[in-house]
Amino acid sequence: MQQLLSHGLSLIQISRELRLDHSTVRRFARAGSLEELLVKAVNRVSLSFAVLLMTGTVPGDRFGRRLVFTAGLGCSPRPPWPVHSPPAWAG
């Protein structure tokens, strides 16, 4: 991204060339480093986890923690990888 910007391409030209949304290109262009983007992503995930954890305590107290935990697992999205396959490090 920074290399394309140094060649004088605009953000719109970069987004067309890389086939990315303009807001994504703008976010990467404004970032000082990759670590900054990763820290922001981790912070978003941590904040959403904390909010869901805090809001899940009341139904957990009311209906039982096991029931709410099982319901939460049922509502979670499917992982992008097959669940039945062993991990790559398992050999």
Protein backbone atom coordinates (compact mmCIF):
# COMPACT_ATOMS: atom_id res chain seq x y z
CA MET A 1 0.00 0.00 0.00
CA GLN A 2 2.68 2.48 1.03
CA GLN A 3 4.70 1.55 -2.05
CA LEU A 4 1.77 2.33 -4.35
CA LEU A 5 1.25 5.64 -2.57
CA SER A 6 4.91 6.52 -3.04
CA HIS A 7 4.50 5.98 -6.79
CA GLY A 8 1.90 8.76 -6.78
CA LEU A 9 -1.28 6.72 -7.12
CA SER A 10 -4.42 8.05 -5.49
CA LEU A 11 -6.44 6.04 -3.01
CA ILE A 12 -9.17 5.48 -5.58
CA GLN A 13 -6.67 4.14 -8.11
CA ILE A 14 -5.17 1.84 -5.47
CA SER A 15 -8.59 0.54 -4.45
CA ARG A 16 -9.42 -0.23 -8.09
CA GLU A 17 -6.07 -1.91 -8.70
CA LEU A 18 -6.22 -4.04 -5.55
CA ARG A 19 -10.01 -4.56 -5.81
CA LEU A 20 -10.56 -3.38 -2.25
CA ASP A 21 -13.13 -1.09 -0.73
CA HIS A 22 -12.10 2.56 -0.56
CA SER A 23 -12.48 2.64 3.24
CA THR A 24 -10.13 -0.35 3.60
CA VAL A 25 -7.51 1.30 1.43
CA ARG A 26 -7.87 4.54 3.38
CA ARG A 27 -7.47 2.69 6.71
CA PHE A 28 -4.28 0.97 5.53
CA ALA A 29 -2.92 4.19 4.05
CA ARG A 30 -3.47 6.15 7.26
CA ALA A 31 -1.92 3.47 9.46
CA GLY A 32 1.62 4.11 10.55
CA SER A 33 2.49 0.43 10.70
CA LEU A 34 1.02 -3.04 10.55
CA GLU A 35 1.30 -3.30 14.34
CA GLU A 36 -1.04 -0.34 14.71
CA LEU A 37 -3.70 -2.11 12.63
CA LEU A 38 -3.27 -5.33 14.60
CA VAL A 39 -3.59 -3.53 17.92
CA LYS A 40 -6.83 -1.90 16.76
CA ALA A 41 -8.22 -5.25 15.63
CA VAL A 42 -7.34 -6.94 18.92
CA ASN A 43 -8.89 -4.06 20.85
CA ARG A 44 -12.14 -4.39 18.90
CA VAL A 45 -12.32 -8.12 19.56
CA SER A 46 -11.53 -7.66 23.26
CA LEU A 47 -14.16 -4.96 23.64
CA SER A 48 -16.86 -7.00 21.92
CA PHE A 49 -15.99 -10.04 24.05
CA ALA A 50 -16.21 -7.96 27.23
CA VAL A 51 -19.59 -6.52 26.22
CA LEU A 52 -21.00 -9.96 25.41
CA LEU A 53 -19.59 -11.38 28.63
CA MET A 54 -21.17 -8.65 30.73
CA THR A 55 -24.55 -8.92 29.00
CA GLY A 56 -24.52 -12.71 29.29
CA THR A 57 -24.24 -12.72 33.06
CA VAL A 58 -27.87 -11.76 33.73
CA PRO A 59 -29.40 -14.56 31.59
CA GLY A 60 -26.78 -16.90 33.03
CA ASP A 61 -27.92 -16.10 36.56
CA ARG A 62 -31.57 -16.29 35.60
CA PHE A 63 -31.68 -19.41 33.42
CA GLY A 64 -28.53 -21.24 34.41
CA ARG A 65 -24.99 -20.84 33.17
CA ARG A 66 -24.86 -24.17 31.35
CA LEU A 67 -28.03 -23.42 29.34
CA VAL A 68 -26.84 -19.95 28.36
CA PHE A 69 -23.38 -21.26 27.45
CA THR A 70 -24.91 -23.98 25.25
CA ALA A 71 -27.23 -21.46 23.61
CA GLY A 72 -24.26 -19.17 22.97
CA LEU A 73 -22.36 -21.98 21.30
CA GLY A 74 -25.39 -22.71 19.14
CA CYS A 75 -25.64 -19.07 18.04
CA SER A 76 -21.96 -18.70 17.22
CA PRO A 77 -20.96 -18.68 13.55
CA ARG A 78 -19.43 -21.74 11.95
CA PRO A 79 -15.65 -21.72 11.75
CA PRO A 80 -14.22 -21.27 8.25
CA TRP A 81 -12.28 -24.55 8.50
CA PRO A 82 -13.70 -28.08 8.74
CA VAL A 83 -14.16 -29.02 12.37
CA HIS A 84 -13.51 -32.73 11.86
CA SER A 85 -10.03 -32.34 10.36
CA PRO A 86 -7.03 -32.60 12.70
CA PRO A 87 -4.76 -29.58 13.10
CA ALA A 88 -1.79 -29.27 10.76
CA TRP A 89 0.74 -29.70 13.56
CA ALA A 90 -0.75 -33.07 14.54
CA GLY A 91 1.03 -34.75 11.65
